[in-house]
C-alpha atoms as a PDB file:
ATOM      1  CA  UNK A   1      28.901  32.540  64.629  1.00  0.00           C
ATOM      2  CA  UNK A   2      32.402  32.122  65.330  1.00  0.00           C
ATOM      3  CA  UNK A   3      33.624  35.001  67.365  1.00  0.00           C
ATOM      4  CA  UNK A   4      37.222  36.073  68.381  1.00  0.00           C
ATOM      5  CA  UNK A   5      38.631  37.147  71.784  1.00  0.00           C
ATOM      6  CA  UNK A   6      38.838  40.999  72.079  1.00  0.00           C
ATOM      7  CA  UNK A   7      42.579  40.532  72.383  1.00  0.00           C
ATOM      8  CA  UNK A   8      42.640  39.593  68.657  1.00  0.00           C
ATOM      9  CA  UNK A   9      42.645  42.632  66.098  1.00  0.00           C
ATOM     10  CA  UNK A  10      44.149  44.058  63.309  1.00  0.00           C
ATOM     11  CA  UNK A  11      48.041  44.889  64.337  1.00  0.00           C
ATOM     12  CA  UNK A  12      47.902  42.115  66.835  1.00  0.00           C
ATOM     13  CA  UNK A  13      51.056  41.122  68.362  1.00  0.00           C
ATOM     14  CA  UNK A  14      51.625  37.455  69.401  1.00  0.00           C
ATOM     15  CA  UNK A  15      54.516  35.651  71.172  1.00  0.00           C
ATOM     16  CA  UNK A  16      56.914  34.737  69.370  1.00  0.00           C
ATOM     17  CA  UNK A  17      58.862  31.010  70.140  1.00  0.00           C
ATOM     18  CA  UNK A  18      56.233  29.622  72.006  1.00  0.00           C
ATOM     19  CA  UNK A  19      52.515  27.637  71.224  1.00  0.00           C
ATOM     20  CA  UNK A  20      50.035  30.343  70.672  1.00  0.00           C
ATOM     21  CA  UNK A  21      46.503  29.958  71.928  1.00  0.00           C
ATOM     22  CA  UNK A  22      43.998  31.288  69.745  1.00  0.00           C
ATOM     23  CA  UNK A  23      40.490  31.660  71.527  1.00  0.00           C
ATOM     24  CA  UNK A  24      36.782  33.075  71.383  1.00  0.00           C
ATOM     25  CA  UNK A  25      32.951  31.863  71.506  1.00  0.00           C
ATOM     26  CA  UNK A  26      30.948  30.267  69.055  1.00  0.00           C
ATOM     27  CA  UNK A  27      27.879  27.856  68.633  1.00  0.00           C
ATOM     28  CA  UNK A  28      28.714  24.281  70.114  1.00  0.00           C
ATOM     29  CA  UNK A  29      30.068  21.971  67.426  1.00  0.00           C
ATOM     30  CA  UNK A  30      31.057  24.442  65.051  1.00  0.00           C
ATOM     31  CA  UNK A  31      34.246  24.293  63.070  1.00  0.00           C
ATOM     32  CA  UNK A  32      37.125  26.796  63.540  1.00  0.00           C
ATOM     33  CA  UNK A  33      39.953  27.261  61.227  1.00  0.00           C
ATOM     34  CA  UNK A  34      42.674  29.300  62.205  1.00  0.00           C
ATOM     35  CA  UNK A  35      45.527  30.102  59.684  1.00  0.00           C
ATOM     36  CA  UNK A  36      48.494  32.124  59.137  1.00  0.00           C
ATOM     37  CA  UNK A  37      49.277  31.475  55.485  1.00  0.00           C
ATOM     38  CA  UNK A  38      52.709  33.571  55.309  1.00  0.00           C
ATOM     39  CA  UNK A  39      53.776  31.006  58.125  1.00  0.00           C
ATOM     40  CA  UNK A  40      52.245  27.816  55.980  1.00  0.00           C
ATOM     41  CA  UNK A  41      50.472  26.984  59.364  1.00  0.00           C
ATOM     42  CA  UNK A  42      46.912  26.035  59.716  1.00  0.00           C
ATOM     43  CA  UNK A  43      45.114  24.532  63.013  1.00  0.00           C
ATOM     44  CA  UNK A  44      41.423  23.259  63.323  1.00  0.00           C
ATOM     45  CA  UNK A  45      39.512  22.293  66.050  1.00  0.00           C
ATOM     46  CA  UNK A  46      35.641  22.495  67.300  1.00  0.00           C
ATOM     47  CA  UNK A  47      33.755  24.898  69.816  1.00  0.00           C
ATOM     48  CA  UNK A  48      33.043  22.983  72.906  1.00  0.00           C
ATOM     49  CA  UNK A  49      30.055  22.566  74.732  1.00  0.00           C
ATOM     50  CA  UNK A  50      29.771  25.706  76.965  1.00  0.00           C
ATOM     51  CA  UNK A  51      30.243  27.962  73.656  1.00  0.00           C
ATOM     52  CA  UNK A  52      33.989  28.557  73.947  1.00  0.00           C
ATOM     53  CA  UNK A  53      36.808  27.179  71.448  1.00  0.00           C
ATOM     54  CA  UNK A  54      40.616  27.476  71.374  1.00  0.00           C
ATOM     55  CA  UNK A  55      43.235  26.215  69.382  1.00  0.00           C
ATOM     56  CA  UNK A  56      46.770  26.382  69.376  1.00  0.00           C
ATOM     57  CA  UNK A  57      49.434  27.525  66.710  1.00  0.00           C
ATOM     58  CA  UNK A  58      52.912  26.162  66.981  1.00  0.00           C
ATOM     59  CA  UNK A  59      55.710  28.415  67.671  1.00  0.00           C
ATOM     60  CA  UNK A  60      56.452  31.077  65.153  1.00  0.00           C
ATOM     61  CA  UNK A  61      60.006  33.140  64.737  1.00  0.00           C
ATOM     62  CA  UNK A  62      59.432  36.715  65.174  1.00  0.00           C
ATOM     63  CA  UNK A  63      58.698  39.054  62.311  1.00  0.00           C
ATOM     64  CA  UNK A  64      55.949  41.462  60.832  1.00  0.00           C
ATOM     65  CA  UNK A  65      53.926  41.241  58.000  1.00  0.00           C
ATOM     66  CA  UNK A  66      51.526  38.281  58.533  1.00  0.00           C
ATOM     67  CA  UNK A  67      47.851  38.226  58.268  1.00  0.00           C
ATOM     68  CA  UNK A  68      45.907  35.490  60.560  1.00  0.00           C
ATOM     69  CA  UNK A  69      42.181  34.152  58.981  1.00  0.00           C
ATOM     70  CA  UNK A  70      39.794  32.589  61.845  1.00  0.00           C
ATOM     71  CA  UNK A  71      37.423  31.090  59.519  1.00  0.00           C
ATOM     72  CA  UNK A  72      35.881  33.849  57.620  1.00  0.00           C
ATOM     73  CA  UNK A  73      37.386  36.913  59.505  1.00  0.00           C
ATOM     74  CA  UNK A  74      40.952  38.122  58.651  1.00  0.00           C
ATOM     75  CA  UNK A  75      43.244  40.451  60.621  1.00  0.00           C
ATOM     76  CA  UNK A  76      45.555  42.183  59.210  1.00  0.00           C
ATOM     77  CA  UNK A  77      49.631  43.665  59.646  1.00  0.00           C
ATOM     78  CA  UNK A  78      49.876  40.655  62.186  1.00  0.00           C
ATOM     79  CA  UNK A  79      53.179  40.256  64.106  1.00  0.00           C
ATOM     80  CA  UNK A  80      55.044  37.952  66.435  1.00  0.00           C
ATOM     81  CA  UNK A  81      57.697  39.256  68.644  1.00  0.00           C
ATOM     82  CA  UNK A  82      57.871  39.589  72.668  1.00  0.00           C
ATOM     83  CA  UNK A  83      54.760  40.085  74.431  1.00  0.00           C
ATOM     84  CA  UNK A  84      54.579  42.098  78.220  1.00  0.00           C
ATOM     85  CA  UNK A  85      51.947  42.918  80.666  1.00  0.00           C
ATOM     86  CA  UNK A  86      51.894  46.238  82.204  1.00  0.00           C
ATOM     87  CA  UNK A  87      49.400  45.685  84.938  1.00  0.00           C
ATOM     88  CA  UNK A  88      49.184  47.541  88.360  1.00  0.00           C
ATOM     89  CA  UNK A  89      47.922  50.681  89.485  1.00  0.00           C
ATOM     90  CA  UNK A  90      48.397  54.870  89.080  1.00  0.00           C
ATOM     91  CA  UNK A  91      52.506  54.241  88.780  1.00  0.00           C
ATOM     92  CA  UNK A  92      51.781  51.986  85.710  1.00  0.00           C
ATOM     93  CA  UNK A  93      48.887  54.040  84.712  1.00  0.00           C
ATOM     94  CA  UNK A  94      51.025  56.677  84.181  1.00  0.00           C
ATOM     95  CA  UNK A  95      51.036  58.576  80.708  1.00  0.00           C
ATOM     96  CA  UNK A  96      53.660  58.280  78.300  1.00  0.00           C
ATOM     97  CA  UNK A  97      52.534  62.118  77.482  1.00  0.00           C
ATOM     98  CA  UNK A  98      52.828  63.293  80.792  1.00  0.00           C
ATOM     99  CA  UNK A  99      56.652  61.619  81.655  1.00  0.00           C
ATOM    100  CA  UNK A 100      59.836  63.231  81.554  1.00  0.00           C
ATOM    101  CA  UNK A 101      60.714  64.128  78.187  1.00  0.00           C
ATOM    102  CA  UNK A 102      57.555  62.769  76.928  1.00  0.00           C
ATOM    103  CA  UNK A 103      56.844  64.822  74.325  1.00  0.00           C
ATOM    104  CA  UNK A 104      59.802  64.235  72.629  1.00  0.00           C
ATOM    105  CA  UNK A 105      59.492  60.115  73.138  1.00  0.00           C
ATOM    106  CA  UNK A 106      56.222  60.807  71.572  1.00  0.00           C
ATOM    107  CA  UNK A 107      57.796  62.576  68.680  1.00  0.00           C
ATOM    108  CA  UNK A 108      60.242  59.629  67.858  1.00  0.00           C
ATOM    109  CA  UNK A 109      57.948  56.497  68.632  1.00  0.00           C
ATOM    110  CA  UNK A 110      56.636  55.552  65.565  1.00  0.00           C
ATOM    111  CA  UNK A 111      59.964  53.795  64.806  1.00  0.00           C
ATOM    112  CA  UNK A 112      60.091  52.322  68.155  1.00  0.00           C
ATOM    113  CA  UNK A 113      59.028  48.738  66.941  1.00  0.00           C
ATOM    114  CA  UNK A 114      56.214  48.534  69.846  1.00  0.00           C
ATOM    115  CA  UNK A 115      52.387  47.923  69.767  1.00  0.00           C
ATOM    116  CA  UNK A 116      49.887  48.644  72.395  1.00  0.00           C
ATOM    117  CA  UNK A 117      46.722  47.108  73.428  1.00  0.00           C
ATOM    118  CA  UNK A 118      44.787  49.024  76.446  1.00  0.00           C
ATOM    119  CA  UNK A 119      42.324  47.127  78.587  1.00  0.00           C
ATOM    120  CA  UNK A 120      39.271  49.308  79.348  1.00  0.00           C
ATOM    121  CA  UNK A 121      39.346  50.460  82.869  1.00  0.00           C
ATOM    122  CA  UNK A 122      35.553  49.452  83.661  1.00  0.00           C
ATOM    123  CA  UNK A 123      34.796  48.612  87.250  1.00  0.00           C
ATOM    124  CA  UNK A 124      31.733  46.741  86.390  1.00  0.00           C
ATOM    125  CA  UNK A 125      30.743  44.090  83.769  1.00  0.00           C
ATOM    126  CA  UNK A 126      27.886  46.063  82.446  1.00  0.00           C
ATOM    127  CA  UNK A 127      26.806  47.500  78.892  1.00  0.00           C
ATOM    128  CA  UNK A 128      29.709  50.344  79.033  1.00  0.00           C
ATOM    129  CA  UNK A 129      32.169  47.433  79.816  1.00  0.00           C
ATOM    130  CA  UNK A 130      30.905  45.242  77.007  1.00  0.00           C
ATOM    131  CA  UNK A 131      31.064  48.037  74.230  1.00  0.00           C
ATOM    132  CA  UNK A 132      34.311  49.385  75.624  1.00  0.00           C
ATOM    133  CA  UNK A 133      35.834  45.919  75.239  1.00  0.00           C
ATOM    134  CA  UNK A 134      34.108  45.464  71.945  1.00  0.00           C
ATOM    135  CA  UNK A 135      36.248  48.729  70.954  1.00  0.00           C
ATOM    136  CA  UNK A 136      39.575  47.664  72.058  1.00  0.00           C
ATOM    137  CA  UNK A 137      42.382  46.817  69.854  1.00  0.00           C
ATOM    138  CA  UNK A 138      45.948  46.960  69.149  1.00  0.00           C
ATOM    139  CA  UNK A 139      47.129  50.565  68.280  1.00  0.00           C
ATOM    140  CA  UNK A 140      50.717  51.190  66.181  1.00  0.00           C
ATOM    141  CA  UNK A 141      53.157  54.121  67.654  1.00  0.00           C
ATOM    142  CA  UNK A 142      52.211  57.484  66.793  1.00  0.00           C
ATOM    143  CA  UNK A 143      52.010  61.140  68.168  1.00  0.00           C
ATOM    144  CA  UNK A 144      48.306  60.633  68.196  1.00  0.00           C
ATOM    145  CA  UNK A 145      47.786  57.319  70.029  1.00  0.00           C
ATOM    146  CA  UNK A 146      50.887  56.670  72.281  1.00  0.00           C
ATOM    147  CA  UNK A 147      50.438  59.446  74.479  1.00  0.00           C
ATOM    148  CA  UNK A 148      47.755  57.765  76.850  1.00  0.00           C
ATOM    149  CA  UNK A 149      50.027  54.029  76.676  1.00  0.00           C
ATOM    150  CA  UNK A 150      51.883  53.724  79.976  1.00  0.00           C
ATOM    151  CA  UNK A 151      54.881  55.356  80.444  1.00  0.00           C
ATOM    152  CA  UNK A 152      56.931  52.604  82.209  1.00  0.00           C
ATOM    153  CA  UNK A 153      55.394  50.149  79.684  1.00  0.00           C
ATOM    154  CA  UNK A 154      56.237  51.775  76.744  1.00  0.00           C
ATOM    155  CA  UNK A 155      59.826  52.814  77.905  1.00  0.00           C
ATOM    156  CA  UNK A 156      60.656  49.467  79.022  1.00  0.00           C
ATOM    157  CA  UNK A 157      59.067  47.662  75.543  1.00  0.00           C
ATOM    158  CA  UNK A 158      61.110  50.301  73.476  1.00  0.00           C
ATOM    159  CA  UNK A 159      64.346  49.017  75.263  1.00  0.00           C
ATOM    160  CA  UNK A 160      63.442  45.559  74.807  1.00  0.00           C
ATOM    161  CA  UNK A 161      62.585  46.036  71.201  1.00  0.00           C
ATOM    162  CA  UNK A 162      65.971  47.571  70.276  1.00  0.00           C
ATOM    163  CA  UNK A 163      67.810  45.065  72.036  1.00  0.00           C
ATOM    164  CA  UNK A 164      66.382  42.113  70.633  1.00  0.00           C
ATOM    165  CA  UNK A 165      65.539  43.218  67.157  1.00  0.00           C
ATOM    166  CA  UNK A 166      61.926  42.130  67.135  1.00  0.00           C
ATOM    167  CA  UNK A 167      58.894  43.674  67.918  1.00  0.00           C
ATOM    168  CA  UNK A 168      57.262  44.300  71.377  1.00  0.00           C
ATOM    169  CA  UNK A 169      53.742  44.209  72.195  1.00  0.00           C
ATOM    170  CA  UNK A 170      52.227  45.821  75.630  1.00  0.00           C
ATOM    171  CA  UNK A 171      48.894  44.841  77.192  1.00  0.00           C
ATOM    172  CA  UNK A 172      48.329  47.472  79.135  1.00  0.00           C
ATOM    173  CA  UNK A 173      45.796  46.386  82.143  1.00  0.00           C
ATOM    174  CA  UNK A 174      46.140  49.019  84.715  1.00  0.00           C
ATOM    175  CA  UNK A 175      43.935  51.335  87.216  1.00  0.00           C
ATOM    176  CA  UNK A 176      44.983  53.741  89.731  1.00  0.00           C
ATOM    177  CA  UNK A 177      43.961  53.160  93.372  1.00  0.00           C
ATOM    178  CA  UNK A 178      42.885  49.796  92.383  1.00  0.00           C
ATOM    179  CA  UNK A 179      43.417  47.003  95.181  1.00  0.00           C
ATOM    180  CA  UNK A 180      46.599  44.777  95.133  1.00  0.00           C
ATOM    181  CA  UNK A 181      43.975  42.126  96.270  1.00  0.00           C
ATOM    182  CA  UNK A 182      42.656  42.673  92.764  1.00  0.00           C
ATOM    183  CA  UNK A 183      46.130  41.474  90.973  1.00  0.00           C
ATOM    184  CA  UNK A 184      46.887  38.693  92.911  1.00  0.00           C
ATOM    185  CA  UNK A 185      45.593  35.426  94.582  1.00  0.00           C
ATOM    186  CA  UNK A 186      44.920  36.019  98.287  1.00  0.00           C
ATOM    187  CA  UNK A 187      47.241  33.104  99.315  1.00  0.00           C
ATOM    188  CA  UNK A 188      49.792  34.945  97.372  1.00  0.00           C
ATOM    189  CA  UNK A 189      48.961  38.503  98.873  1.00  0.00           C
ATOM    190  CA  UNK A 190      49.706  37.031 102.306  1.00  0.00           C
ATOM    191  CA  UNK A 191      52.754  35.340 101.449  1.00  0.00           C
ATOM    192  CA  UNK A 192      54.202  38.592  99.757  1.00  0.00           C
ATOM    193  CA  UNK A 193      53.147  40.250 102.825  1.00  0.00           C
ATOM    194  CA  UNK A 194      54.682  37.879 105.209  1.00  0.00           C
ATOM    195  CA  UNK A 195      57.999  37.910 103.229  1.00  0.00           C
ATOM    196  CA  UNK A 196      58.380  41.940 103.077  1.00  0.00           C
ATOM    197  CA  UNK A 197      59.655  44.016 105.995  1.00  0.00           C
ATOM    198  CA  UNK A 198      58.217  47.285 104.652  1.00  0.00           C
ATOM    199  CA  UNK A 199      55.782  48.313 102.578  1.00  0.00           C
ATOM    200  CA  UNK A 200      56.613  51.322  99.966  1.00  0.00           C
ATOM    201  CA  UNK A 201      54.244  53.309  97.973  1.00  0.00           C
ATOM    202  CA  UNK A 202      56.190  56.132  96.299  1.00  0.00           C
ATOM    203  CA  UNK A 203      53.061  57.472  94.285  1.00  0.00           C
ATOM    204  CA  UNK A 204      53.640  61.016  92.590  1.00  0.00           C
ATOM    205  CA  UNK A 205      50.669  62.175  91.242  1.00  0.00           C
ATOM    206  CA  UNK A 206      47.418  63.467  92.736  1.00  0.00           C
ATOM    207  CA  UNK A 207      45.436  60.628  90.980  1.00  0.00           C
ATOM    208  CA  UNK A 208      46.640  58.525  93.612  1.00  0.00           C
ATOM    209  CA  UNK A 209      43.558  59.801  95.927  1.00  0.00           C
ATOM    210  CA  UNK A 210      43.640  56.811  99.162  1.00  0.00           C
ATOM    211  CA  UNK A 211      46.055  54.282  98.196  1.00  0.00           C
ATOM    212  CA  UNK A 212      43.814  51.738  99.874  1.00  0.00           C
ATOM    213  CA  UNK A 213      47.021  49.170  99.527  1.00  0.00           C
ATOM    214  CA  UNK A 214      48.381  50.699 102.101  1.00  0.00           C
ATOM    215  CA  UNK A 215      45.272  49.609 104.290  1.00  0.00           C
ATOM    216  CA  UNK A 216      46.191  46.095 103.032  1.00  0.00           C
ATOM    217  CA  UNK A 217      49.947  46.140 104.384  1.00  0.00           C
ATOM    218  CA  UNK A 218      48.629  47.611 107.694  1.00  0.00           C
ATOM    219  CA  UNK A 219      46.343  44.932 107.891  1.00  0.00           C
ATOM    220  CA  UNK A 220      49.541  42.569 108.004  1.00  0.00           C
ATOM    221  CA  UNK A 221      51.272  44.672 110.420  1.00  0.00           C
ATOM    222  CA  UNK A 222      53.282  46.495 107.912  1.00  0.00           C
ATOM    223  CA  UNK A 223      55.029  49.660 108.439  1.00  0.00           C
ATOM    224  CA  UNK A 224      54.226  51.771 105.186  1.00  0.00           C
ATOM    225  CA  UNK A 225      56.434  54.648 103.514  1.00  0.00           C
ATOM    226  CA  UNK A 226      53.896  56.884 101.517  1.00  0.00           C
ATOM    227  CA  UNK A 227      54.321  60.071 100.089  1.00  0.00           C
ATOM    228  CA  UNK A 228      53.011  63.877 101.250  1.00  0.00           C
ATOM    229  CA  UNK A 229      50.573  64.111  98.324  1.00  0.00           C
ATOM    230  CA  UNK A 230      47.616  66.676  98.705  1.00  0.00           C
ATOM    231  CA  UNK A 231      45.185  63.584  98.928  1.00  0.00           C
ATOM    232  CA  UNK A 232      44.087  61.384 101.728  1.00  0.00           C
ATOM    233  CA  UNK A 233      47.022  59.133 101.171  1.00  0.00           C
ATOM    234  CA  UNK A 234      49.427  60.346 104.112  1.00  0.00           C
ATOM    235  CA  UNK A 235      46.307  60.489 106.296  1.00  0.00           C
ATOM    236  CA  UNK A 236      45.932  56.609 105.928  1.00  0.00           C
ATOM    237  CA  UNK A 237      49.488  55.807 107.093  1.00  0.00           C
ATOM    238  CA  UNK A 238      50.765  58.441 109.246  1.00  0.00           C
ATOM    239  CA  UNK A 239      54.260  59.785 109.437  1.00  0.00           C
ATOM    240  CA  UNK A 240      56.081  58.555 112.566  1.00  0.00           C
ATOM    241  CA  UNK A 241      53.097  56.922 113.804  1.00  0.00           C
ATOM    242  CA  UNK A 242      52.783  53.909 111.386  1.00  0.00           C
ATOM    243  CA  UNK A 243      55.762  54.530 108.872  1.00  0.00           C
ATOM    244  CA  UNK A 244      57.346  57.199 107.247  1.00  0.00           C
ATOM    245  CA  UNK A 245      55.977  59.894 104.843  1.00  0.00           C
ATOM    246  CA  UNK A 246      58.500  61.737 101.999  1.00  0.00           C
ATOM    247  CA  UNK A 247      58.167  64.069  99.638  1.00  0.00           C
ATOM    248  CA  UNK A 248      56.752  63.028  96.496  1.00  0.00           C
ATOM    249  CA  UNK A 249      59.332  62.824  93.683  1.00  0.00           C
ATOM    250  CA  UNK A 250      62.321  62.586  96.117  1.00  0.00           C
ATOM    251  CA  UNK A 251      64.362  59.609  95.553  1.00  0.00           C
ATOM    252  CA  UNK A 252      66.981  60.479  97.886  1.00  0.00           C
ATOM    253  CA  UNK A 253      64.455  60.812 100.777  1.00  0.00           C
ATOM    254  CA  UNK A 254      62.557  57.598  99.601  1.00  0.00           C
ATOM    255  CA  UNK A 255      65.944  55.688  99.837  1.00  0.00           C
ATOM    256  CA  UNK A 256      66.998  57.179 103.344  1.00  0.00           C
ATOM    257  CA  UNK A 257      63.219  56.070 104.445  1.00  0.00           C
ATOM    258  CA  UNK A 258      63.734  52.977 103.280  1.00  0.00           C
ATOM    259  CA  UNK A 259      67.380  52.236 104.813  1.00  0.00           C
ATOM    260  CA  UNK A 260      65.824  53.673 108.077  1.00  0.00           C
ATOM    261  CA  UNK A 261      63.432  51.201 108.419  1.00  0.00           C
ATOM    262  CA  UNK A 262      65.744  48.087 106.844  1.00  0.00           C
ATOM    263  CA  UNK A 263      68.133  49.214 109.275  1.00  0.00           C
ATOM    264  CA  UNK A 264      66.108  49.238 112.360  1.00  0.00           C
ATOM    265  CA  UNK A 265      64.263  46.058 113.442  1.00  0.00           C
ATOM    266  CA  UNK A 266      62.733  47.412 116.742  1.00  0.00           C
ATOM    267  CA  UNK A 267      61.279  50.554 114.639  1.00  0.00           C
ATOM    268  CA  UNK A 268      59.976  48.333 111.921  1.00  0.00           C
ATOM    269  CA  UNK A 269      58.064  46.203 114.575  1.00  0.00           C
ATOM    270  CA  UNK A 270      56.666  49.638 116.168  1.00  0.00           C
ATOM    271  CA  UNK A 271      55.554  51.276 113.335  1.00  0.00           C
ATOM    272  CA  UNK A 272      54.037  47.925 112.431  1.00  0.00           C
ATOM    273  CA  UNK A 273      51.952  47.204 115.602  1.00  0.00           C
ATOM    274  CA  UNK A 274      50.613  50.689 115.421  1.00  0.00           C
ATOM    275  CA  UNK A 275      49.687  50.430 111.620  1.00  0.00           C
ATOM    276  CA  UNK A 276      47.816  47.410 112.280  1.00  0.00           C
ATOM    277  CA  UNK A 277      45.925  48.774 115.209  1.00  0.00           C
ATOM    278  CA  UNK A 278      45.326  51.859 113.490  1.00  0.00           C
ATOM    279  CA  UNK A 279      43.298  49.892 110.357  1.00  0.00           C
ATOM    280  CA  UNK A 280      41.226  47.769 113.038  1.00  0.00           C
ATOM    281  CA  UNK A 281      40.135  51.216 114.803  1.00  0.00           C
ATOM    282  CA  UNK A 282      39.549  53.527 111.748  1.00  0.00           C
ATOM    283  CA  UNK A 283      38.897  51.543 108.975  1.00  0.00           C
ATOM    284  CA  UNK A 284      36.386  49.029 110.376  1.00  0.00           C
ATOM    285  CA  UNK A 285      34.072  48.913 107.615  1.00  0.00           C
ATOM    286  CA  UNK A 286      30.779  49.345 109.754  1.00  0.00           C
ATOM    287  CA  UNK A 287      32.656  52.869 111.164  1.00  0.00           C
ATOM    288  CA  UNK A 288      33.610  53.734 107.352  1.00  0.00           C
ATOM    289  CA  UNK A 289      29.849  52.994 106.264  1.00  0.00           C
ATOM    290  CA  UNK A 290      28.525  55.365 109.154  1.00  0.00           C
ATOM    291  CA  UNK A 291      30.985  58.110 108.497  1.00  0.00           C
ATOM    292  CA  UNK A 292      30.280  58.445 104.742  1.00  0.00           C
ATOM    293  CA  UNK A 293      26.612  58.381 105.582  1.00  0.00           C
ATOM    294  CA  UNK A 294      26.905  61.266 108.128  1.00  0.00           C
ATOM    295  CA  UNK A 295      29.255  62.916 105.620  1.00  0.00           C
ATOM    296  CA  UNK A 296      26.139  62.737 103.058  1.00  0.00           C
ATOM    297  CA  UNK A 297      23.557  63.477 105.140  1.00  0.00           C
ATOM    298  CA  UNK A 298      25.697  66.697 106.012  1.00  0.00           C
ATOM    299  CA  UNK A 299      26.112  67.799 102.470  1.00  0.00           C
ATOM    300  CA  UNK A 300      22.254  67.116 101.755  1.00  0.00           C
ATOM    301  CA  UNK A 301      21.487  69.240 104.924  1.00  0.00           C
ATOM    302  CA  UNK A 302      23.821  72.175 103.332  1.00  0.00           C
ATOM    303  CA  UNK A 303      21.831  71.869 100.127  1.00  0.00           C
ATOM    304  CA  UNK A 304      18.534  72.433 101.518  1.00  0.00           C
ATOM    305  CA  UNK A 305      19.441  75.220 103.508  1.00  0.00           C
ATOM    306  CA  UNK A 306      20.539  76.693 100.433  1.00  0.00           C
END
């Protein structure tokens, strides 16, 4: 049986002006036929020996009101426009309903010409992950659906849609607190840290519980600018020792901290050296495991005494 990948659902938005890969799984050797009747386009292929298939549609102009059939399955309200990935951590995850003027944006979002696909935030490929992926689908903008969309992703898409005059789709794939190493190949990560002078973590939400990405920058000997959240963030990189800590949501203080380190190579090197030393001394894997175990043991003993 032919199945499409989860990204292909009703209301989907596909990239205009470029070849479009449509893919999924099925029985090896089975024929796959993909059609967009409104564009008089039909392409066929077959499932490979490993059970995967992929056919490529030719470039399409922007527009809405299309259908796409894949063998016996029909997807409705298909659009062609610009597709962007809203990937990252808590700043990209920050929801539209919580943003400044978020309520006003939600009240008028229905006419924004933006669509959104949210990738489920699951940490393991278990049954819950599969169920969440099976339920994922493209959403149209409304006060009921758009509140949990990425604020940064939506606002950028809204402006693009107005400027370009085509629908814009956002694929929200973000997870607060996830390591930057989850988003980049190791060689690219090393190159990025080698090229930078300062690492900035301008988090404003308490959901940023630790900011492990700070440790990754510190391993490479980079000074860190973080925010004074009431979480573990300012404990990882210490103000005046391994970098600079500024108040959350204080753009002026953040700019001054960046400028200070940009102008002072000696201070950058001092903080960077201390940062690498702190990671090596405080966050070595065995020490962290021992500390977690000791904390859990203490909590268990307290409960027993009660």
